[in-house]
Amino acid sequence: ISGLDRGNDVFREAGTENYSISSAEL
């Protein structure tokens, strides 16, 4: 939404089932 996907070989901006443990998924 801010154009920050530009320049990335791989890109993930999806939410998660529980934001409080997002780090493990990433």
PDB file of all heavy atoms in Angstrom:
ATOM      1  N   ILE A   1       0.829  -1.199   0.000  1.00  0.00           N
ATOM      2  CA  ILE A   1       0.000   0.000   0.000  1.00  0.00           C
ATOM      3  C   ILE A   1       0.867   1.254   0.000  1.00  0.00           C
ATOM      4  O   ILE A   1       0.436   2.330  -0.427  1.00  0.00           O
ATOM      5  CB  ILE A   1      -0.958  -0.007   1.212  1.00  0.00           C
ATOM      6  CG1 ILE A   1      -2.081   1.021   1.006  1.00  0.00           C
ATOM      7  CG2 ILE A   1      -0.210   0.271   2.510  1.00  0.00           C
ATOM      8  CD1 ILE A   1      -3.190   0.928   2.026  1.00  0.00           C
ATOM      9  N   SER A   2       2.122   1.108   0.466  1.00  0.00           N
ATOM     10  CA  SER A   2       3.068   2.227   0.453  1.00  0.00           C
ATOM     11  C   SER A   2       4.167   2.050  -0.589  1.00  0.00           C
ATOM     12  O   SER A   2       5.115   2.828  -0.629  1.00  0.00           O
ATOM     13  CB  SER A   2       3.698   2.391   1.849  1.00  0.00           C
ATOM     14  OG  SER A   2       2.721   2.740   2.804  1.00  0.00           O
ATOM     15  N   GLY A   3       4.071   1.008  -1.402  1.00  0.00           N
ATOM     16  CA  GLY A   3       5.093   0.768  -2.421  1.00  0.00           C
ATOM     17  C   GLY A   3       6.334   0.098  -1.880  1.00  0.00           C
ATOM     18  O   GLY A   3       7.368   0.050  -2.550  1.00  0.00           O
ATOM     19  N   LEU A   4       6.262  -0.478  -0.668  1.00  0.00           N
ATOM     20  CA  LEU A   4       7.442  -1.083  -0.060  1.00  0.00           C
ATOM     21  C   LEU A   4       7.676  -2.515  -0.528  1.00  0.00           C
ATOM     22  O   LEU A   4       8.610  -3.175  -0.074  1.00  0.00           O
ATOM     23  CB  LEU A   4       7.327  -1.025   1.468  1.00  0.00           C
ATOM     24  CG  LEU A   4       7.302   0.400   2.033  1.00  0.00           C
ATOM     25  CD1 LEU A   4       7.141   0.370   3.543  1.00  0.00           C
ATOM     26  CD2 LEU A   4       8.566   1.163   1.652  1.00  0.00           C
ATOM     27  N   ASP A   5       6.841  -2.995  -1.434  1.00  0.00           N
ATOM     28  CA  ASP A   5       7.109  -4.285  -2.071  1.00  0.00           C
ATOM     29  C   ASP A   5       8.207  -4.159  -3.122  1.00  0.00           C
ATOM     30  O   ASP A   5       8.837  -5.141  -3.493  1.00  0.00           O
ATOM     31  CB  ASP A   5       5.839  -4.836  -2.714  1.00  0.00           C
ATOM     32  CG  ASP A   5       5.148  -3.835  -3.634  1.00  0.00           C
ATOM     33  OD1 ASP A   5       5.436  -2.626  -3.528  1.00  0.00           O
ATOM     34  OD2 ASP A   5       4.312  -4.252  -4.451  1.00  0.00           O
ATOM     35  N   ARG A   6       8.450  -2.948  -3.591  1.00  0.00           N
ATOM     36  CA  ARG A   6       9.427  -2.724  -4.647  1.00  0.00           C
ATOM     37  C   ARG A   6      10.829  -3.152  -4.214  1.00  0.00           C
ATOM     38  O   ARG A   6      11.260  -2.880  -3.108  1.00  0.00           O
ATOM     39  CB  ARG A   6       9.437  -1.243  -5.038  1.00  0.00           C
ATOM     40  CG  ARG A   6       8.218  -0.828  -5.826  1.00  0.00           C
ATOM     41  CD  ARG A   6       7.979   0.665  -5.905  1.00  0.00           C
ATOM     42  NE  ARG A   6       9.161   1.492  -5.961  1.00  0.00           N
ATOM     43  CZ  ARG A   6       9.121   2.822  -5.944  1.00  0.00           C
ATOM     44  NH1 ARG A   6       7.963   3.453  -5.864  1.00  0.00           N
ATOM     45  NH2 ARG A   6      10.239   3.512  -5.995  1.00  0.00           N
ATOM     46  N   GLY A   7      11.514  -3.855  -5.117  1.00  0.00           N
ATOM     47  CA  GLY A   7      12.901  -4.226  -4.876  1.00  0.00           C
ATOM     48  C   GLY A   7      13.110  -5.506  -4.103  1.00  0.00           C
ATOM     49  O   GLY A   7      14.254  -5.885  -3.842  1.00  0.00           O
ATOM     50  N   ASN A   8      12.030  -6.217  -3.741  1.00  0.00           N
ATOM     51  CA  ASN A   8      12.173  -7.437  -2.951  1.00  0.00           C
ATOM     52  C   ASN A   8      12.082  -8.688  -3.815  1.00  0.00           C
ATOM     53  O   ASN A   8      11.192  -8.806  -4.672  1.00  0.00           O
ATOM     54  CB  ASN A   8      11.088  -7.501  -1.872  1.00  0.00           C
ATOM     55  CG  ASN A   8      11.360  -6.550  -0.728  1.00  0.00           C
ATOM     56  OD1 ASN A   8      12.284  -6.748   0.040  1.00  0.00           O
ATOM     57  ND2 ASN A   8      10.555  -5.496  -0.630  1.00  0.00           N
ATOM     58  N   ASP A   9      13.006  -9.630  -3.585  1.00  0.00           N
ATOM     59  CA  ASP A   9      12.942 -10.928  -4.266  1.00  0.00           C
ATOM     60  C   ASP A   9      11.791 -11.766  -3.728  1.00  0.00           C
ATOM     61  O   ASP A   9      11.125 -12.473  -4.490  1.00  0.00           O
ATOM     62  CB  ASP A   9      14.260 -11.692  -4.091  1.00  0.00           C
ATOM     63  CG  ASP A   9      15.403 -11.044  -4.834  1.00  0.00           C
ATOM     64  OD1 ASP A   9      15.197 -10.619  -5.988  1.00  0.00           O
ATOM     65  OD2 ASP A   9      16.510 -10.956  -4.274  1.00  0.00           O
ATOM     66  N   VAL A  10      11.596 -11.754  -2.427  1.00  0.00           N
ATOM     67  CA  VAL A  10      10.439 -12.412  -1.816  1.00  0.00           C
ATOM     68  C   VAL A  10       9.751 -11.398  -0.919  1.00  0.00           C
ATOM     69  O   VAL A  10      10.397 -10.534  -0.321  1.00  0.00           O
ATOM     70  CB  VAL A  10      10.826 -13.689  -1.027  1.00  0.00           C
ATOM     71  CG1 VAL A  10      11.465 -14.716  -1.933  1.00  0.00           C
ATOM     72  CG2 VAL A  10      11.743 -13.363   0.131  1.00  0.00           C
ATOM     73  N   PHE A  11       8.429 -11.519  -0.816  1.00  0.00           N
ATOM     74  CA  PHE A  11       7.654 -10.487  -0.130  1.00  0.00           C
ATOM     75  C   PHE A  11       6.443 -11.120   0.529  1.00  0.00           C
ATOM     76  O   PHE A  11       5.727 -11.899  -0.083  1.00  0.00           O
ATOM     77  CB  PHE A  11       7.225  -9.427  -1.144  1.00  0.00           C
ATOM     78  CG  PHE A  11       6.367  -8.327  -0.573  1.00  0.00           C
ATOM     79  CD1 PHE A  11       6.930  -7.348   0.231  1.00  0.00           C
ATOM     80  CD2 PHE A  11       5.018  -8.282  -0.852  1.00  0.00           C
ATOM     81  CE1 PHE A  11       6.137  -6.334   0.747  1.00  0.00           C
ATOM     82  CE2 PHE A  11       4.228  -7.270  -0.356  1.00  0.00           C
ATOM     83  CZ  PHE A  11       4.782  -6.293   0.454  1.00  0.00           C
ATOM     84  N   ARG A  12       6.232 -10.779   1.796  1.00  0.00           N
ATOM     85  CA  ARG A  12       5.060 -11.250   2.518  1.00  0.00           C
ATOM     86  C   ARG A  12       4.525 -10.101   3.372  1.00  0.00           C
ATOM     87  O   ARG A  12       5.247  -9.506   4.162  1.00  0.00           O
ATOM     88  CB  ARG A  12       5.429 -12.434   3.416  1.00  0.00           C
ATOM     89  CG  ARG A  12       4.238 -12.974   4.253  1.00  0.00           C
ATOM     90  CD  ARG A  12       4.328 -12.516   5.692  1.00  0.00           C
ATOM     91  NE  ARG A  12       3.118 -12.758   6.456  1.00  0.00           N
ATOM     92  CZ  ARG A  12       2.791 -13.886   7.051  1.00  0.00           C
ATOM     93  NH1 ARG A  12       3.617 -14.887   7.014  1.00  0.00           N
ATOM     94  NH2 ARG A  12       1.661 -13.994   7.717  1.00  0.00           N
ATOM     95  N   GLU A  13       3.236  -9.773   3.200  1.00  0.00           N
ATOM     96  CA  GLU A  13       2.615  -8.719   3.985  1.00  0.00           C
ATOM     97  C   GLU A  13       1.276  -9.167   4.567  1.00  0.00           C
ATOM     98  O   GLU A  13       0.487  -8.347   5.016  1.00  0.00           O
ATOM     99  CB  GLU A  13       2.396  -7.467   3.128  1.00  0.00           C
ATOM    100  CG  GLU A  13       1.435  -7.674   1.972  1.00  0.00           C
ATOM    101  CD  GLU A  13       1.066  -6.398   1.226  1.00  0.00           C
ATOM    102  OE1 GLU A  13       1.387  -5.302   1.729  1.00  0.00           O
ATOM    103  OE2 GLU A  13       0.452  -6.507   0.142  1.00  0.00           O
ATOM    104  N   ALA A  14       1.014 -10.461   4.550  1.00  0.00           N
ATOM    105  CA  ALA A  14      -0.269 -10.962   5.043  1.00  0.00           C
ATOM    106  C   ALA A  14      -0.315 -10.925   6.558  1.00  0.00           C
ATOM    107  O   ALA A  14       0.705 -11.009   7.240  1.00  0.00           O
ATOM    108  CB  ALA A  14      -0.497 -12.392   4.555  1.00  0.00           C
ATOM    109  N   GLY A  15      -1.529 -10.812   7.072  1.00  0.00           N
ATOM    110  CA  GLY A  15      -1.725 -10.904   8.508  1.00  0.00           C
ATOM    111  C   GLY A  15      -1.534 -12.326   8.989  1.00  0.00           C
ATOM    112  O   GLY A  15      -1.069 -13.206   8.261  1.00  0.00           O
ATOM    113  N   THR A  16      -1.903 -12.571  10.220  1.00  0.00           N
ATOM    114  CA  THR A  16      -1.725 -13.886  10.817  1.00  0.00           C
ATOM    115  C   THR A  16      -2.883 -14.158  11.760  1.00  0.00           C
ATOM    116  O   THR A  16      -3.622 -13.236  12.128  1.00  0.00           O
ATOM    117  CB  THR A  16      -0.387 -13.954  11.577  1.00  0.00           C
ATOM    118  OG1 THR A  16      -0.203 -15.252  12.124  1.00  0.00           O
ATOM    119  CG2 THR A  16      -0.351 -12.917  12.691  1.00  0.00           C
ATOM    120  N   GLU A  17      -3.080 -15.415  12.132  1.00  0.00           N
ATOM    121  CA  GLU A  17      -4.206 -15.763  12.991  1.00  0.00           C
ATOM    122  C   GLU A  17      -4.089 -15.114  14.361  1.00  0.00           C
ATOM    123  O   GLU A  17      -5.079 -14.750  14.978  1.00  0.00           O
ATOM    124  CB  GLU A  17      -4.321 -17.283  13.124  1.00  0.00           C
ATOM    125  CG  GLU A  17      -4.703 -17.978  11.813  1.00  0.00           C
ATOM    126  CD  GLU A  17      -4.831 -19.475  11.971  1.00  0.00           C
ATOM    127  OE1 GLU A  17      -4.696 -19.954  13.123  1.00  0.00           O
ATOM    128  OE2 GLU A  17      -5.071 -20.162  10.972  1.00  0.00           O
ATOM    129  N   ASN A  18      -2.867 -14.973  14.858  1.00  0.00           N
ATOM    130  CA  ASN A  18      -2.650 -14.338  16.158  1.00  0.00           C
ATOM    131  C   ASN A  18      -1.455 -13.412  16.032  1.00  0.00           C
ATOM    132  O   ASN A  18      -0.316 -13.847  15.970  1.00  0.00           O
ATOM    133  CB  ASN A  18      -2.403 -15.389  17.255  1.00  0.00           C
ATOM    134  CG  ASN A  18      -2.199 -14.760  18.624  1.00  0.00           C
ATOM    135  OD1 ASN A  18      -2.229 -13.545  18.781  1.00  0.00           O
ATOM    136  ND2 ASN A  18      -1.992 -15.598  19.632  1.00  0.00           N
ATOM    137  N   TYR A  19      -1.722 -12.096  15.961  1.00  0.00           N
ATOM    138  CA  TYR A  19      -0.647 -11.126  15.803  1.00  0.00           C
ATOM    139  C   TYR A  19       0.391 -11.225  16.909  1.00  0.00           C
ATOM    140  O   TYR A  19       1.556 -10.872  16.705  1.00  0.00           O
ATOM    141  CB  TYR A  19      -1.244  -9.710  15.807  1.00  0.00           C
ATOM    142  CG  TYR A  19      -1.639  -9.212  14.437  1.00  0.00           C
ATOM    143  CD1 TYR A  19      -2.018 -10.098  13.436  1.00  0.00           C
ATOM    144  CD2 TYR A  19      -1.653  -7.856  14.142  1.00  0.00           C
ATOM    145  CE1 TYR A  19      -2.388  -9.649  12.194  1.00  0.00           C
ATOM    146  CE2 TYR A  19      -2.020  -7.390  12.888  1.00  0.00           C
ATOM    147  CZ  TYR A  19      -2.385  -8.297  11.912  1.00  0.00           C
ATOM    148  OH  TYR A  19      -2.733  -7.850  10.664  1.00  0.00           O
ATOM    149  N   SER A  20      -0.008 -11.699  18.093  1.00  0.00           N
ATOM    150  CA  SER A  20       0.894 -11.701  19.244  1.00  0.00           C
ATOM    151  C   SER A  20       2.014 -12.722  19.136  1.00  0.00           C
ATOM    152  O   SER A  20       2.940 -12.716  19.952  1.00  0.00           O
ATOM    153  CB  SER A  20       0.096 -11.939  20.528  1.00  0.00           C
ATOM    154  OG  SER A  20      -0.834 -10.891  20.737  1.00  0.00           O
ATOM    155  N   ILE A  21       1.936 -13.626  18.150  1.00  0.00           N
ATOM    156  CA  ILE A  21       3.015 -14.604  17.958  1.00  0.00           C
ATOM    157  C   ILE A  21       3.490 -14.585  16.507  1.00  0.00           C
ATOM    158  O   ILE A  21       3.968 -15.583  15.974  1.00  0.00           O
ATOM    159  CB  ILE A  21       2.579 -16.028  18.373  1.00  0.00           C
ATOM    160  CG1 ILE A  21       1.315 -16.457  17.617  1.00  0.00           C
ATOM    161  CG2 ILE A  21       2.353 -16.103  19.866  1.00  0.00           C
ATOM    162  CD1 ILE A  21       0.939 -17.921  17.853  1.00  0.00           C
ATOM    163  N   SER A  22       3.376 -13.420  15.866  1.00  0.00           N
ATOM    164  CA  SER A  22       3.729 -13.320  14.451  1.00  0.00           C
ATOM    165  C   SER A  22       5.194 -13.614  14.187  1.00  0.00           C
ATOM    166  O   SER A  22       5.559 -14.105  13.123  1.00  0.00           O
ATOM    167  CB  SER A  22       3.397 -11.917  13.937  1.00  0.00           C
ATOM    168  OG  SER A  22       4.285 -10.952  14.483  1.00  0.00           O
ATOM    169  N   SER A  23       6.063 -13.305  15.155  1.00  0.00           N
ATOM    170  CA  SER A  23       7.501 -13.457  14.919  1.00  0.00           C
ATOM    171  C   SER A  23       7.868 -14.890  14.571  1.00  0.00           C
ATOM    172  O   SER A  23       8.730 -15.121  13.716  1.00  0.00           O
ATOM    173  CB  SER A  23       8.291 -12.986  16.141  1.00  0.00           C
ATOM    174  OG  SER A  23       7.890 -13.668  17.311  1.00  0.00           O
ATOM    175  N   ALA A  24       7.229 -15.864  15.216  1.00  0.00           N
ATOM    176  CA  ALA A  24       7.544 -17.270  14.933  1.00  0.00           C
ATOM    177  C   ALA A  24       7.258 -17.606  13.476  1.00  0.00           C
ATOM    178  O   ALA A  24       8.042 -18.289  12.803  1.00  0.00           O
ATOM    179  CB  ALA A  24       6.744 -18.186  15.859  1.00  0.00           C
ATOM    180  N   GLU A  25       6.142 -17.093  12.953  1.00  0.00           N
ATOM    181  CA  GLU A  25       5.767 -17.358  11.570  1.00  0.00           C
ATOM    182  C   GLU A  25       6.750 -16.715  10.600  1.00  0.00           C
ATOM    183  O   GLU A  25       7.187 -17.330   9.622  1.00  0.00           O
ATOM    184  CB  GLU A  25       4.350 -16.823  11.343  1.00  0.00           C
ATOM    185  CG  GLU A  25       3.679 -17.334  10.098  1.00  0.00           C
ATOM    186  CD  GLU A  25       2.205 -16.984  10.079  1.00  0.00           C
ATOM    187  OE1 GLU A  25       1.453 -17.464  10.952  1.00  0.00           O
ATOM    188  OE2 GLU A  25       1.799 -16.205   9.185  1.00  0.00           O
ATOM    189  N   LEU A  26       7.118 -15.471  10.872  1.00  0.00           N
ATOM    190  CA  LEU A  26       8.038 -14.761   9.984  1.00  0.00           C
ATOM    191  C   LEU A  26       9.438 -15.355  10.028  1.00  0.00           C
ATOM    192  O   LEU A  26      10.120 -15.443   9.002  1.00  0.00           O
ATOM    193  CB  LEU A  26       8.078 -13.280  10.349  1.00  0.00           C
ATOM    194  CG  LEU A  26       6.758 -12.513  10.222  1.00  0.00           C
ATOM    195  CD1 LEU A  26       6.976 -11.029  10.477  1.00  0.00           C
ATOM    196  CD2 LEU A  26       6.105 -12.734   8.867  1.00  0.00           C
TER     197      LEU A  26
END
